[in-house]
Each structure stands twice: as structure tokens, then as C-alpha cells.
Amino acid sequence: MESMDARLVAQALNYHGQQLQKVWEGERNENELALLNLKEPSFEIYQQRQKTLSFGDRGKRLKLQQFLAKKADALYDKANLEKTVEPIKQELGDEVVGDVIYAQVMGKSAPGLLLKVLCNCSDCPRVVTELGIKVLILNTATVPAVDKKGVTRGYMANDLVCVVVSEVNVEAERVVAVMNMPAREGQAPHPPMGLIHSDDLPEAYKCQTLCNIKS
């Protein structure tokens, strides 16, 4: 247990919920979480995911949670935190053409818009704001910016947008995106491409951002 990082365990509990906590206490020392100062962990992300989870997949989730508890010493080892050498390249390597991402407009130029990635679109979004991953979207690949009142305007700095990845170059640390192409199949529900409101961002992203502000 001494080699486990409490932050990694807390993230797992936050994602998998109270069921993982019960499995953990059954498979391992029931006082282990208390010794890691996780007697009352947060389940905010799980509570948001719970709305979309299928009851029929409960058995699969239980098997996964049993595996996580049994292999916890290796999965949540402190050494795992030291292996993330180049987080930007690692994140870009996970991006696939057709993925939906949420981003913020940093500025405009003659060719198009420069964006900063906020998070990806999935059941458990990866929040990557601090990595500063930049995205280029050409003017020819945008759609009209229509605000909540139905008014069409130009894109401005700090606008929030939903876009689709069209090209990823890991070595150059570059992503190109579009708004006028469909996302690949299997993506989590998302708003239409183009200008979005802060309410459209994933709940998990909003929760994590709020937690970062409080800390």
C-alpha cells in the first residue's frame, strides 16, 4: 500500500463510484482507503456518468472493478506518475481523426481560427486545458457562429466551440480541426459543431474545473 498514490486511487473512485469502494474494501484491507485519507472520497464524476450507464452492463463493470482492486498496487503505483514524460505528445497520440473535442478560441488570423483544446468528448472527458494544445481550423472549414438568441456573428476570442479532429501530427504537436464534417461513430452525445455555450460543456469537465478553482 505504501507505494500507491492516493491521488490516482481518488481519481479511480471518483470515476467508478461507490461500487468500486465496496469492492475495494471487500477484496483488500477494509481500512486501506482510510489510511490513504480516502475514507469519504468524491463521486462527482460517477454521479454524472450514472445517468448514461446501462443496468445490463452492471456485471461487466463489477468484473472491471474487481480487477482494479486486485491489481491496485501496480495500477496506482507512485512510479506511474513519473512516467508521463511528454504529456502533450501522449495526449495527441490518443486523438483519432473524427474525434469530437471542445475548445476555446484563442485568436483569429487570415487563414482561420487558432483554438486551445479544453477536453475531449467521451463518458469521462480528459481535461487538458493546462497542456495548451493548439488547434488550427481554416475559415473554409468553419460554420456560421450562431449565439443562443439565434443571432449570427463572427467568432471572437474566448468563444467556446465544438469541432471534429481532421488531422493529427504528434511530432509537430499540431492538430487541425473542422466544423463541417461529421464525427466518427461511437462518440458520446455532443452539441452541434460550431459555437457553443458553457452549459454545453461536459458535466465532468465543469466539475473538474470547479474543483481546480476551489483548490
Protein backbone atom coordinates (compact mmCIF):
# COMPACT_ATOMS: atom_id res chain seq x y z
CA MET A 1 0.00 0.00 0.00
CA GLU A 2 2.90 2.35 0.73
CA SER A 3 3.72 2.56 -2.98
CA MET A 4 0.20 3.60 -4.02
CA ASP A 5 -0.53 7.23 -4.88
CA ALA A 6 -3.68 8.46 -3.14
CA ARG A 7 -4.48 10.88 -5.99
CA LEU A 8 -4.60 8.06 -8.55
CA VAL A 9 -6.85 6.00 -6.28
CA ALA A 10 -9.09 9.03 -5.69
CA GLN A 11 -9.47 9.54 -9.46
CA ALA A 12 -10.49 5.88 -9.90
CA LEU A 13 -13.07 6.10 -7.11
CA ASN A 14 -14.43 9.36 -8.50
CA TYR A 15 -14.92 7.70 -11.91
CA HIS A 16 -16.22 4.27 -10.83
CA GLY A 17 -18.24 5.37 -7.80
CA GLN A 18 -19.26 3.79 -4.52
CA GLN A 19 -19.42 0.31 -6.05
CA LEU A 20 -15.64 0.33 -6.54
CA GLN A 21 -15.26 1.49 -2.93
CA LYS A 22 -17.29 -1.53 -1.72
CA VAL A 23 -15.38 -3.95 -3.96
CA TRP A 24 -12.08 -2.44 -2.79
CA GLU A 25 -12.97 -2.90 0.87
CA GLY A 26 -14.08 -6.49 0.17
CA GLU A 27 -11.05 -7.51 -1.90
CA ARG A 28 -8.42 -5.69 0.17
CA ASN A 29 -7.88 -4.39 3.70
CA GLU A 30 -11.11 -2.57 4.56
CA ASN A 31 -9.09 0.13 6.36
CA GLU A 32 -6.80 0.76 3.39
CA LEU A 33 -8.76 3.67 1.93
CA ALA A 34 -8.91 5.34 5.33
CA LEU A 35 -5.13 5.01 5.62
CA LEU A 36 -4.88 6.75 2.23
CA ASN A 37 -7.08 9.57 3.61
CA LEU A 38 -9.90 8.44 1.30
CA LYS A 39 -12.50 7.50 3.89
CA GLU A 40 -15.05 9.79 2.20
CA PRO A 41 -13.92 10.15 -1.45
CA SER A 42 -15.71 12.28 -4.04
CA PHE A 43 -18.02 10.51 -6.52
CA GLU A 44 -18.93 13.63 -8.55
CA ILE A 45 -17.85 12.25 -11.95
CA TYR A 46 -19.58 8.90 -11.37
CA GLN A 47 -22.81 10.67 -10.42
CA GLN A 48 -22.75 12.39 -13.82
CA ARG A 49 -21.88 9.16 -15.67
CA GLN A 50 -24.57 7.21 -13.82
CA LYS A 51 -27.29 8.81 -15.96
CA THR A 52 -25.95 7.07 -19.08
CA LEU A 53 -24.85 3.71 -17.63
CA SER A 54 -26.74 0.58 -18.72
CA PHE A 55 -28.09 -1.71 -15.99
CA GLY A 56 -27.39 -4.66 -18.30
CA ASP A 57 -23.65 -3.90 -18.19
CA ARG A 58 -23.52 -3.98 -14.40
CA GLY A 59 -21.85 -7.41 -14.38
CA LYS A 60 -19.09 -6.20 -16.71
CA ARG A 61 -18.50 -3.14 -14.55
CA LEU A 62 -18.26 -5.35 -11.44
CA LYS A 63 -15.60 -7.57 -13.09
CA LEU A 64 -13.61 -4.48 -14.07
CA GLN A 65 -13.82 -3.10 -10.53
CA GLN A 66 -12.67 -6.43 -9.07
CA PHE A 67 -9.69 -6.35 -11.44
CA LEU A 68 -8.85 -2.76 -10.42
CA ALA A 69 -8.95 -3.67 -6.73
CA LYS A 70 -6.82 -6.81 -7.14
CA LYS A 71 -4.19 -5.06 -9.29
CA ALA A 72 -4.29 -1.76 -7.40
CA ASP A 73 -0.68 -1.97 -6.20
CA ALA A 74 0.57 -1.96 -9.80
CA LEU A 75 -2.11 0.25 -11.37
CA TYR A 76 -1.86 3.08 -8.84
CA ASP A 77 1.85 2.89 -8.10
CA LYS A 78 3.51 6.27 -7.49
CA ALA A 79 6.06 5.37 -10.17
CA ASN A 80 3.31 5.65 -12.80
CA LEU A 81 3.20 9.41 -12.24
CA GLU A 82 6.89 9.68 -13.06
CA LYS A 83 6.47 8.01 -16.47
CA THR A 84 4.43 10.82 -18.06
CA VAL A 85 7.41 12.49 -19.71
CA GLU A 86 5.75 14.28 -22.62
CA PRO A 87 2.06 14.72 -21.77
CA ILE A 88 1.30 16.73 -24.93
CA LYS A 89 2.61 14.02 -27.26
CA GLN A 90 0.86 11.36 -25.18
CA GLU A 91 -2.46 13.19 -25.45
CA LEU A 92 -2.06 13.82 -29.19
CA GLY A 93 -1.26 10.14 -29.66
CA ASP A 94 -4.67 9.32 -28.20
CA GLU A 95 -6.53 11.60 -30.62
CA VAL A 96 -8.11 10.00 -33.69
CA VAL A 97 -9.38 11.64 -36.86
CA GLY A 98 -13.12 12.07 -36.37
CA ASP A 99 -12.89 12.63 -32.61
CA VAL A 100 -15.01 15.44 -31.18
CA ILE A 101 -13.19 17.97 -29.00
CA TYR A 102 -14.25 21.05 -27.08
CA ALA A 103 -12.02 24.09 -27.48
CA GLN A 104 -11.73 27.82 -26.85
CA VAL A 105 -10.91 30.44 -29.48
CA MET A 106 -7.50 32.00 -28.78
CA GLY A 107 -7.44 34.32 -31.77
CA LYS A 108 -8.09 34.83 -35.48
CA SER A 109 -5.77 35.13 -38.47
CA ALA A 110 -6.20 35.36 -42.24
CA PRO A 111 -6.25 31.55 -42.72
CA GLY A 112 -8.63 30.80 -39.86
CA LEU A 113 -9.06 30.36 -36.10
CA LEU A 114 -6.49 29.32 -33.50
CA LEU A 115 -8.04 27.23 -30.73
CA LYS A 116 -6.94 25.76 -27.40
CA VAL A 117 -8.24 22.29 -26.52
CA LEU A 118 -10.28 22.10 -23.29
CA CYS A 119 -11.29 18.43 -23.28
CA ASN A 120 -12.32 15.54 -25.48
CA CYS A 121 -15.81 14.15 -25.93
CA SER A 122 -16.29 10.90 -24.01
CA ASP A 123 -18.09 9.44 -21.00
CA CYS A 124 -15.15 10.61 -18.89
CA PRO A 125 -13.60 13.62 -20.67
CA ARG A 126 -9.86 14.15 -20.38
CA VAL A 127 -9.40 17.76 -19.29
CA VAL A 128 -6.23 19.04 -20.98
CA THR A 129 -6.54 22.81 -20.59
CA GLU A 130 -3.17 23.10 -18.82
CA LEU A 131 -1.33 21.33 -21.67
CA GLY A 132 -2.01 24.26 -24.00
CA ILE A 133 -2.68 22.06 -27.05
CA LYS A 134 -3.29 24.32 -30.06
CA VAL A 135 -5.69 23.59 -32.91
CA LEU A 136 -5.97 25.29 -36.29
CA ILE A 137 -9.29 25.45 -38.11
CA LEU A 138 -9.37 27.05 -41.57
CA ASN A 139 -12.05 29.60 -42.41
CA THR A 140 -13.30 27.28 -45.16
CA ALA A 141 -13.90 24.56 -42.54
CA THR A 142 -16.00 26.66 -40.15
CA VAL A 143 -19.76 27.05 -39.90
CA PRO A 144 -21.56 30.31 -39.05
CA ALA A 145 -21.38 31.31 -35.39
CA VAL A 146 -24.95 31.43 -34.10
CA ASP A 147 -25.43 32.50 -30.47
CA LYS A 148 -28.14 31.35 -28.04
CA LYS A 149 -30.50 34.06 -29.28
CA GLY A 150 -30.18 32.85 -32.86
CA VAL A 151 -28.04 35.81 -33.94
CA THR A 152 -25.28 35.08 -36.47
CA ARG A 153 -21.95 36.80 -35.81
CA GLY A 154 -18.23 36.30 -36.29
CA TYR A 155 -16.13 34.15 -33.97
CA MET A 156 -14.36 36.07 -31.20
CA ALA A 157 -11.58 35.39 -28.70
CA ASN A 158 -12.71 33.23 -25.74
CA ASP A 159 -15.65 31.77 -27.68
CA LEU A 160 -16.29 28.10 -26.90
CA VAL A 161 -16.59 25.74 -29.86
CA CYS A 162 -17.24 22.09 -30.65
CA VAL A 163 -15.11 20.72 -33.52
CA VAL A 164 -14.01 17.48 -35.18
CA VAL A 165 -10.35 16.42 -35.48
CA SER A 166 -9.31 16.15 -39.16
CA GLU A 167 -5.52 15.80 -38.82
CA VAL A 168 -3.09 14.98 -36.01
CA ASN A 169 0.70 15.40 -36.24
CA VAL A 170 2.21 14.15 -32.98
CA GLU A 171 5.82 15.13 -33.75
CA ALA A 172 4.87 18.66 -34.78
CA GLU A 173 2.39 18.83 -31.86
CA ARG A 174 -0.25 20.08 -34.27
CA VAL A 175 -3.95 19.40 -34.64
CA VAL A 176 -6.19 20.55 -37.48
CA ALA A 177 -9.95 20.52 -36.97
CA VAL A 178 -13.15 21.22 -38.91
CA MET A 179 -16.75 22.09 -38.15
CA ASN A 180 -18.27 20.99 -41.46
CA MET A 181 -17.62 17.25 -41.25
CA PRO A 182 -19.47 14.57 -39.23
CA ALA A 183 -17.80 12.97 -36.21
CA ARG A 184 -16.82 9.32 -36.32
CA GLU A 185 -19.30 6.79 -34.97
CA GLY A 186 -19.30 5.88 -31.29
CA GLN A 187 -18.75 9.38 -29.88
CA ALA A 188 -20.56 10.45 -26.73
CA PRO A 189 -23.54 12.81 -27.22
CA HIS A 190 -22.40 16.33 -28.09
CA PRO A 191 -23.85 19.65 -29.29
CA PRO A 192 -23.82 20.62 -33.00
CA MET A 193 -20.45 21.70 -34.41
CA GLY A 194 -19.58 25.36 -34.12
CA LEU A 195 -20.25 27.95 -31.44
CA ILE A 196 -21.43 26.52 -28.11
CA HIS A 197 -22.30 27.86 -24.65
CA SER A 198 -20.58 26.96 -21.38
CA ASP A 199 -23.71 24.97 -20.49
CA ASP A 200 -22.91 22.64 -23.41
CA LEU A 201 -19.56 21.55 -21.95
CA PRO A 202 -19.46 18.06 -20.36
CA GLU A 203 -20.54 17.93 -16.72
CA ALA A 204 -17.32 16.12 -15.78
CA TYR A 205 -15.30 19.00 -17.27
CA LYS A 206 -17.30 21.55 -15.29
CA CYS A 207 -16.87 19.53 -12.10
CA GLN A 208 -13.11 19.23 -12.52
CA THR A 209 -12.75 22.91 -13.38
CA LEU A 210 -14.73 23.82 -10.26
CA CYS A 211 -12.56 21.51 -8.14
CA ASN A 212 -9.40 23.17 -9.54
CA ILE A 213 -10.76 26.61 -8.67
CA LYS A 214 -11.60 25.53 -5.10
CA SER A 215 -8.14 24.01 -4.61
